[in-house]
Amino acid sequence: MNIKEEIKNNCDVKYGEFTKKIIGKQKSAYLRINIAKQIAKKYSNTNEAIKFLDMLPHKNIDQNNVHGLIIGYLKEEALNVISKLKKFLPYIDNWATCDITVSNLKIIKKEPQKFKIFAKNCIKSNKSFIKRFGIVILLTYFLDDNFEKKDLKEMASIYSDDYYVNMALSWYFSVAFVKQYKSAIKIFQESHIKNKWVHNKSIQKVCDSLRVNNQQKSYLKSLKR
């Protein structure tokens, strides 16, 4: 059995109907993420995986999800992983595949600076999901030990009309507020966030968080634009 057959045999119609409502643009993922991870891990670092990674473009989201997850399981040098990501990113056409792929890139913790450069280059792209990919890398792996204050202003300077890019930016600033409060609060106070919608959506996301106290939420609401 090959990867495509494994995917097809594990598809769940009911799950597909559910994902159609949340992924958008009538796209459906029929393969549950835990199953996708099992398949990706099973075949990663095999000749079958090498062949599958060369089969771009794939036919559906499920194949793309497994593709992205396989890259995360590769036991290769950072630059080789980045090379495979560069080939794959132009084919990502939804937020789910984007975020799932980022979540499995544990290698970033081993060589963060190479991936930070890569992420910032992604953010310069005029393709929405490549730009989102870079943003999600920074919010997932660079708001803790590898955090740099300058990142906040750089992210605040991004302006986009794309919904999925702006949602990722809002997500970034809301997480930054929780993890790097002293630096993030200044971004809101000084209205550094170029996109007004992102500024206000970020505040909304913070206020929805259980990790922020009521006093902070009340103050942040007063900073809406």
C-alpha atoms as a PDB file:
ATOM      1  CA  MET A   1       0.000   0.000   0.000  1.00  0.00           C
ATOM      2  CA  ASN A   2       1.251   3.512  -0.811  1.00  0.00           C
ATOM      3  CA  ILE A   3       0.584   6.878   0.854  1.00  0.00           C
ATOM      4  CA  LYS A   4      -2.266   7.862  -1.457  1.00  0.00           C
ATOM      5  CA  GLU A   5      -4.026   4.536  -0.838  1.00  0.00           C
ATOM      6  CA  GLU A   6      -3.566   4.930   2.925  1.00  0.00           C
ATOM      7  CA  ILE A   7      -5.151   8.376   2.755  1.00  0.00           C
ATOM      8  CA  LYS A   8      -8.077   7.197   0.632  1.00  0.00           C
ATOM      9  CA  ASN A   9      -8.773   4.184   2.856  1.00  0.00           C
ATOM     10  CA  ASN A  10      -8.885   6.322   6.008  1.00  0.00           C
ATOM     11  CA  CYS A  11     -11.164   9.108   4.793  1.00  0.00           C
ATOM     12  CA  ASP A  12     -14.221   9.932   6.897  1.00  0.00           C
ATOM     13  CA  VAL A  13     -17.221  11.400   5.046  1.00  0.00           C
ATOM     14  CA  LYS A  14     -18.839  12.872   8.179  1.00  0.00           C
ATOM     15  CA  TYR A  15     -15.582  14.561   9.125  1.00  0.00           C
ATOM     16  CA  GLY A  16     -15.376  15.968   5.616  1.00  0.00           C
ATOM     17  CA  GLU A  17     -18.797  17.565   5.944  1.00  0.00           C
ATOM     18  CA  PHE A  18     -17.706  19.129   9.227  1.00  0.00           C
ATOM     19  CA  THR A  19     -14.446  20.556   7.850  1.00  0.00           C
ATOM     20  CA  LYS A  20     -16.250  22.051   4.848  1.00  0.00           C
ATOM     21  CA  LYS A  21     -17.858  24.501   7.269  1.00  0.00           C
ATOM     22  CA  ILE A  22     -14.601  25.694   8.830  1.00  0.00           C
ATOM     23  CA  ILE A  23     -11.942  25.522   6.114  1.00  0.00           C
ATOM     24  CA  GLY A  24     -13.834  27.706   3.664  1.00  0.00           C
ATOM     25  CA  LYS A  25     -14.251  27.965  -0.102  1.00  0.00           C
ATOM     26  CA  GLN A  26     -16.049  24.611  -0.125  1.00  0.00           C
ATOM     27  CA  LYS A  27     -12.843  22.724   0.664  1.00  0.00           C
ATOM     28  CA  SER A  28     -13.126  19.550   2.713  1.00  0.00           C
ATOM     29  CA  ALA A  29     -10.543  17.511   4.596  1.00  0.00           C
ATOM     30  CA  TYR A  30     -11.810  13.946   5.011  1.00  0.00           C
ATOM     31  CA  LEU A  31      -8.750  12.641   6.838  1.00  0.00           C
ATOM     32  CA  ARG A  32      -8.655  13.341  10.565  1.00  0.00           C
ATOM     33  CA  ILE A  33      -5.465  15.054  11.656  1.00  0.00           C
ATOM     34  CA  ASN A  34      -4.422  12.341  14.111  1.00  0.00           C
ATOM     35  CA  ILE A  35      -4.699   9.767  11.296  1.00  0.00           C
ATOM     36  CA  ALA A  36      -2.828  12.069   8.898  1.00  0.00           C
ATOM     37  CA  LYS A  37      -0.003  12.301  11.449  1.00  0.00           C
ATOM     38  CA  GLN A  38       0.117   8.515  11.821  1.00  0.00           C
ATOM     39  CA  ILE A  39       0.398   8.037   8.061  1.00  0.00           C
ATOM     40  CA  ALA A  40       3.011  10.796   7.720  1.00  0.00           C
ATOM     41  CA  LYS A  41       5.118   9.389  10.547  1.00  0.00           C
ATOM     42  CA  LYS A  42       4.824   5.836   9.222  1.00  0.00           C
ATOM     43  CA  TYR A  43       6.151   6.738   5.782  1.00  0.00           C
ATOM     44  CA  SER A  44       8.524   9.590   6.614  1.00  0.00           C
ATOM     45  CA  ASN A  45      12.171   9.021   5.722  1.00  0.00           C
ATOM     46  CA  THR A  46      11.250   6.193   3.306  1.00  0.00           C
ATOM     47  CA  ASN A  47      11.549   5.931  -0.478  1.00  0.00           C
ATOM     48  CA  GLU A  48       7.750   6.059  -0.637  1.00  0.00           C
ATOM     49  CA  ALA A  49       7.823   9.457   1.097  1.00  0.00           C
ATOM     50  CA  ILE A  50      10.464  10.754  -1.329  1.00  0.00           C
ATOM     51  CA  LYS A  51       8.249   9.769  -4.274  1.00  0.00           C
ATOM     52  CA  PHE A  52       5.161  11.297  -2.656  1.00  0.00           C
ATOM     53  CA  LEU A  53       6.910  14.616  -1.997  1.00  0.00           C
ATOM     54  CA  ASP A  54       7.716  14.824  -5.721  1.00  0.00           C
ATOM     55  CA  MET A  55       4.079  14.307  -6.752  1.00  0.00           C
ATOM     56  CA  LEU A  56       3.102  17.979  -6.700  1.00  0.00           C
ATOM     57  CA  PRO A  57       0.502  19.206  -7.255  1.00  0.00           C
ATOM     58  CA  HIS A  58      -1.608  16.839  -5.173  1.00  0.00           C
ATOM     59  CA  LYS A  59      -5.296  16.258  -5.814  1.00  0.00           C
ATOM     60  CA  ASN A  60      -6.794  17.323  -2.482  1.00  0.00           C
ATOM     61  CA  ILE A  61      -6.293  18.838   0.964  1.00  0.00           C
ATOM     62  CA  ASP A  62      -5.765  15.468   2.624  1.00  0.00           C
ATOM     63  CA  GLN A  63      -2.765  14.703   0.441  1.00  0.00           C
ATOM     64  CA  ASN A  64      -1.418  18.210   1.050  1.00  0.00           C
ATOM     65  CA  ASN A  65      -1.848  17.811   4.808  1.00  0.00           C
ATOM     66  CA  VAL A  66       0.091  14.549   4.821  1.00  0.00           C
ATOM     67  CA  HIS A  67       2.745  16.137   2.595  1.00  0.00           C
ATOM     68  CA  GLY A  68       3.228  18.995   5.045  1.00  0.00           C
ATOM     69  CA  LEU A  69       3.359  16.644   8.017  1.00  0.00           C
ATOM     70  CA  ILE A  70       5.920  14.373   6.329  1.00  0.00           C
ATOM     71  CA  ILE A  71       8.253  17.358   5.920  1.00  0.00           C
ATOM     72  CA  GLY A  72       8.056  17.911   9.673  1.00  0.00           C
ATOM     73  CA  TYR A  73       9.079  14.325  10.373  1.00  0.00           C
ATOM     74  CA  LEU A  74      12.113  14.355   8.046  1.00  0.00           C
ATOM     75  CA  LYS A  75      15.451  13.657   9.699  1.00  0.00           C
ATOM     76  CA  GLU A  76      17.367  16.097   7.544  1.00  0.00           C
ATOM     77  CA  GLU A  77      19.369  19.288   7.885  1.00  0.00           C
ATOM     78  CA  ALA A  78      17.443  22.547   8.262  1.00  0.00           C
ATOM     79  CA  LEU A  79      18.326  23.826   4.794  1.00  0.00           C
ATOM     80  CA  ASN A  80      17.055  20.625   3.180  1.00  0.00           C
ATOM     81  CA  VAL A  81      13.783  20.920   5.080  1.00  0.00           C
ATOM     82  CA  ILE A  82      13.478  24.572   4.056  1.00  0.00           C
ATOM     83  CA  SER A  83      14.114  23.596   0.434  1.00  0.00           C
ATOM     84  CA  LYS A  84      11.247  21.100   0.547  1.00  0.00           C
ATOM     85  CA  LEU A  85       8.988  23.701   2.168  1.00  0.00           C
ATOM     86  CA  LYS A  86       9.768  26.212  -0.582  1.00  0.00           C
ATOM     87  CA  LYS A  87       8.654  23.679  -3.202  1.00  0.00           C
ATOM     88  CA  PHE A  88       5.467  22.897  -1.293  1.00  0.00           C
ATOM     89  CA  LEU A  89       4.266  26.320  -0.142  1.00  0.00           C
ATOM     90  CA  PRO A  90       2.952  27.543  -3.537  1.00  0.00           C
ATOM     91  CA  TYR A  91       0.433  24.671  -3.454  1.00  0.00           C
ATOM     92  CA  ILE A  92      -1.041  25.503  -0.044  1.00  0.00           C
ATOM     93  CA  ASP A  93      -4.482  27.012  -0.645  1.00  0.00           C
ATOM     94  CA  ASN A  94      -6.128  26.997   2.790  1.00  0.00           C
ATOM     95  CA  TRP A  95      -5.383  27.968   6.390  1.00  0.00           C
ATOM     96  CA  ALA A  96      -5.675  24.411   7.733  1.00  0.00           C
ATOM     97  CA  THR A  97      -2.851  22.932   5.644  1.00  0.00           C
ATOM     98  CA  CYS A  98      -0.753  26.008   6.390  1.00  0.00           C
ATOM     99  CA  ASP A  99      -1.137  25.768  10.155  1.00  0.00           C
ATOM    100  CA  ILE A 100      -0.924  21.963  10.332  1.00  0.00           C
ATOM    101  CA  THR A 101       2.386  22.013   8.467  1.00  0.00           C
ATOM    102  CA  VAL A 102       3.844  24.678  10.768  1.00  0.00           C
ATOM    103  CA  SER A 103       2.730  22.827  13.911  1.00  0.00           C
ATOM    104  CA  ASN A 104       4.838  19.788  13.004  1.00  0.00           C
ATOM    105  CA  LEU A 105       8.100  21.613  12.239  1.00  0.00           C
ATOM    106  CA  LYS A 106       9.827  20.714  15.501  1.00  0.00           C
ATOM    107  CA  ILE A 107      13.203  21.078  13.790  1.00  0.00           C
ATOM    108  CA  ILE A 108      12.745  24.847  14.131  1.00  0.00           C
ATOM    109  CA  LYS A 109      13.603  24.521  17.823  1.00  0.00           C
ATOM    110  CA  LYS A 110      16.993  23.051  16.887  1.00  0.00           C
ATOM    111  CA  GLU A 111      17.981  25.661  14.298  1.00  0.00           C
ATOM    112  CA  PRO A 112      15.730  28.656  14.953  1.00  0.00           C
ATOM    113  CA  GLN A 113      17.674  31.387  13.184  1.00  0.00           C
ATOM    114  CA  LYS A 114      17.660  29.661   9.796  1.00  0.00           C
ATOM    115  CA  PHE A 115      13.929  29.225  10.028  1.00  0.00           C
ATOM    116  CA  LYS A 116      13.392  32.775  11.252  1.00  0.00           C
ATOM    117  CA  ILE A 117      15.091  34.109   8.127  1.00  0.00           C
ATOM    118  CA  PHE A 118      12.954  31.752   6.050  1.00  0.00           C
ATOM    119  CA  ALA A 119       9.764  32.843   7.832  1.00  0.00           C
ATOM    120  CA  LYS A 120      10.490  36.535   7.289  1.00  0.00           C
ATOM    121  CA  ASN A 121      11.104  35.885   3.613  1.00  0.00           C
ATOM    122  CA  CYS A 122       7.746  34.096   3.459  1.00  0.00           C
ATOM    123  CA  ILE A 123       6.078  37.159   4.966  1.00  0.00           C
ATOM    124  CA  LYS A 124       7.365  39.243   2.037  1.00  0.00           C
ATOM    125  CA  SER A 125       5.475  37.036  -0.422  1.00  0.00           C
ATOM    126  CA  ASN A 126       2.466  38.388  -2.307  1.00  0.00           C
ATOM    127  CA  LYS A 127       0.786  34.996  -1.957  1.00  0.00           C
ATOM    128  CA  SER A 128      -1.582  34.983   1.007  1.00  0.00           C
ATOM    129  CA  PHE A 129      -0.927  31.515   2.403  1.00  0.00           C
ATOM    130  CA  ILE A 130       2.850  31.792   2.020  1.00  0.00           C
ATOM    131  CA  LYS A 131       2.662  35.077   3.946  1.00  0.00           C
ATOM    132  CA  ARG A 132       0.434  33.445   6.560  1.00  0.00           C
ATOM    133  CA  PHE A 133       2.881  30.525   6.796  1.00  0.00           C
ATOM    134  CA  GLY A 134       5.669  32.881   7.849  1.00  0.00           C
ATOM    135  CA  ILE A 135       3.465  34.651  10.382  1.00  0.00           C
ATOM    136  CA  VAL A 136       2.338  31.376  11.962  1.00  0.00           C
ATOM    137  CA  ILE A 137       5.966  30.206  12.262  1.00  0.00           C
ATOM    138  CA  LEU A 138       6.821  33.369  14.186  1.00  0.00           C
ATOM    139  CA  LEU A 139       3.843  33.116  16.530  1.00  0.00           C
ATOM    140  CA  THR A 140       4.396  29.394  17.153  1.00  0.00           C
ATOM    141  CA  TYR A 141       8.159  29.302  17.665  1.00  0.00           C
ATOM    142  CA  PHE A 142       9.373  32.860  18.293  1.00  0.00           C
ATOM    143  CA  LEU A 143       7.312  34.284  21.137  1.00  0.00           C
ATOM    144  CA  ASP A 144       9.113  32.382  23.886  1.00  0.00           C
ATOM    145  CA  ASP A 145      12.867  31.817  24.280  1.00  0.00           C
ATOM    146  CA  ASN A 146      13.686  33.092  20.783  1.00  0.00           C
ATOM    147  CA  PHE A 147      11.616  36.276  21.089  1.00  0.00           C
ATOM    148  CA  GLU A 148      13.093  39.614  19.935  1.00  0.00           C
ATOM    149  CA  LYS A 149      11.354  42.940  20.556  1.00  0.00           C
ATOM    150  CA  LYS A 150      12.047  44.122  17.010  1.00  0.00           C
ATOM    151  CA  ASP A 151       9.838  41.330  15.670  1.00  0.00           C
ATOM    152  CA  LEU A 152       6.753  43.028  17.088  1.00  0.00           C
ATOM    153  CA  LYS A 153       7.300  46.266  15.175  1.00  0.00           C
ATOM    154  CA  GLU A 154       8.146  44.383  12.010  1.00  0.00           C
ATOM    155  CA  MET A 155       4.921  42.412  12.290  1.00  0.00           C
ATOM    156  CA  ALA A 156       2.970  45.566  13.106  1.00  0.00           C
ATOM    157  CA  SER A 157       4.151  47.145   9.865  1.00  0.00           C
ATOM    158  CA  ILE A 158       2.521  44.432   7.728  1.00  0.00           C
ATOM    159  CA  TYR A 159      -0.559  45.546   5.843  1.00  0.00           C
ATOM    160  CA  SER A 160      -2.757  43.144   3.929  1.00  0.00           C
ATOM    161  CA  ASP A 161      -6.309  43.038   2.626  1.00  0.00           C
ATOM    162  CA  ASP A 162      -6.409  39.246   2.931  1.00  0.00           C
ATOM    163  CA  TYR A 163      -8.627  37.829   5.671  1.00  0.00           C
ATOM    164  CA  TYR A 164      -6.425  34.811   6.438  1.00  0.00           C
ATOM    165  CA  VAL A 165      -3.280  36.918   6.688  1.00  0.00           C
ATOM    166  CA  ASN A 166      -4.997  39.414   8.973  1.00  0.00           C
ATOM    167  CA  MET A 167      -6.404  36.680  11.186  1.00  0.00           C
ATOM    168  CA  ALA A 168      -2.911  35.225  11.566  1.00  0.00           C
ATOM    169  CA  LEU A 169      -1.566  38.657  12.488  1.00  0.00           C
ATOM    170  CA  SER A 170      -4.329  39.106  15.069  1.00  0.00           C
ATOM    171  CA  TRP A 171      -3.501  35.685  16.457  1.00  0.00           C
ATOM    172  CA  TYR A 172       0.185  36.670  16.613  1.00  0.00           C
ATOM    173  CA  PHE A 173      -0.437  39.869  18.590  1.00  0.00           C
ATOM    174  CA  SER A 174      -2.893  38.210  20.965  1.00  0.00           C
ATOM    175  CA  VAL A 175      -0.361  35.484  21.800  1.00  0.00           C
ATOM    176  CA  ALA A 176       2.388  38.100  22.084  1.00  0.00           C
ATOM    177  CA  PHE A 177       0.251  39.985  24.610  1.00  0.00           C
ATOM    178  CA  VAL A 178       0.037  36.880  26.788  1.00  0.00           C
ATOM    179  CA  LYS A 179       3.666  35.769  26.461  1.00  0.00           C
ATOM    180  CA  GLN A 180       5.502  39.098  26.100  1.00  0.00           C
ATOM    181  CA  TYR A 181       3.185  41.537  27.851  1.00  0.00           C
ATOM    182  CA  LYS A 182       5.623  44.404  28.549  1.00  0.00           C
ATOM    183  CA  SER A 183       6.691  44.610  24.913  1.00  0.00           C
ATOM    184  CA  ALA A 184       3.319  43.867  23.354  1.00  0.00           C
ATOM    185  CA  ILE A 185       1.299  46.388  25.338  1.00  0.00           C
ATOM    186  CA  LYS A 186       3.413  49.213  23.871  1.00  0.00           C
ATOM    187  CA  ILE A 187       2.461  48.088  20.375  1.00  0.00           C
ATOM    188  CA  PHE A 188      -1.188  48.696  21.258  1.00  0.00           C
ATOM    189  CA  GLN A 189      -0.590  51.875  23.266  1.00  0.00           C
ATOM    190  CA  GLU A 190       1.409  53.510  20.489  1.00  0.00           C
ATOM    191  CA  SER A 191      -0.843  52.242  17.679  1.00  0.00           C
ATOM    192  CA  HIS A 192       2.034  50.604  15.828  1.00  0.00           C
ATOM    193  CA  ILE A 193      -0.216  48.036  14.140  1.00  0.00           C
ATOM    194  CA  LYS A 194      -0.674  49.445  10.644  1.00  0.00           C
ATOM    195  CA  ASN A 195      -3.968  47.716   9.948  1.00  0.00           C
ATOM    196  CA  LYS A 196      -6.766  49.067  12.153  1.00  0.00           C
ATOM    197  CA  TRP A 197      -8.817  45.885  11.728  1.00  0.00           C
ATOM    198  CA  VAL A 198      -5.880  43.765  12.936  1.00  0.00           C
ATOM    199  CA  HIS A 199      -5.367  46.090  15.920  1.00  0.00           C
ATOM    200  CA  ASN A 200      -8.990  45.734  17.031  1.00  0.00           C
ATOM    201  CA  LYS A 201      -9.245  42.026  16.236  1.00  0.00           C
ATOM    202  CA  SER A 202      -6.116  41.380  18.290  1.00  0.00           C
ATOM    203  CA  ILE A 203      -7.715  43.148  21.251  1.00  0.00           C
ATOM    204  CA  GLN A 204     -10.845  41.056  20.828  1.00  0.00           C
ATOM    205  CA  LYS A 205      -8.803  37.853  20.796  1.00  0.00           C
ATOM    206  CA  VAL A 206      -6.931  38.891  23.949  1.00  0.00           C
ATOM    207  CA  CYS A 207     -10.216  39.657  25.681  1.00  0.00           C
ATOM    208  CA  ASP A 208     -11.493  36.189  24.772  1.00  0.00           C
ATOM    209  CA  SER A 209      -8.487  34.604  26.458  1.00  0.00           C
ATOM    210  CA  LEU A 210      -8.699  32.992  29.891  1.00  0.00           C
ATOM    211  CA  ARG A 211      -4.994  33.746  30.405  1.00  0.00           C
ATOM    212  CA  VAL A 212      -5.529  37.500  30.720  1.00  0.00           C
ATOM    213  CA  ASN A 213      -7.000  39.146  33.829  1.00  0.00           C
ATOM    214  CA  ASN A 214     -10.044  41.432  33.759  1.00  0.00           C
ATOM    215  CA  GLN A 215      -8.050  44.553  34.568  1.00  0.00           C
ATOM    216  CA  GLN A 216      -5.791  44.014  31.555  1.00  0.00           C
ATOM    217  CA  LYS A 217      -8.792  43.295  29.345  1.00  0.00           C
ATOM    218  CA  SER A 218     -10.571  46.458  30.461  1.00  0.00           C
ATOM    219  CA  TYR A 219      -7.516  48.595  29.766  1.00  0.00           C
ATOM    220  CA  LEU A 220      -6.922  46.997  26.392  1.00  0.00           C
ATOM    221  CA  LYS A 221     -10.532  47.662  25.343  1.00  0.00           C
ATOM    222  CA  SER A 222      -9.884  51.350  25.970  1.00  0.00           C
ATOM    223  CA  LEU A 223      -7.149  51.206  23.314  1.00  0.00           C
ATOM    224  CA  LYS A 224      -9.487  50.199  20.488  1.00  0.00           C
ATOM    225  CA  ARG A 225      -9.261  52.375  17.394  1.00  0.00           C
END
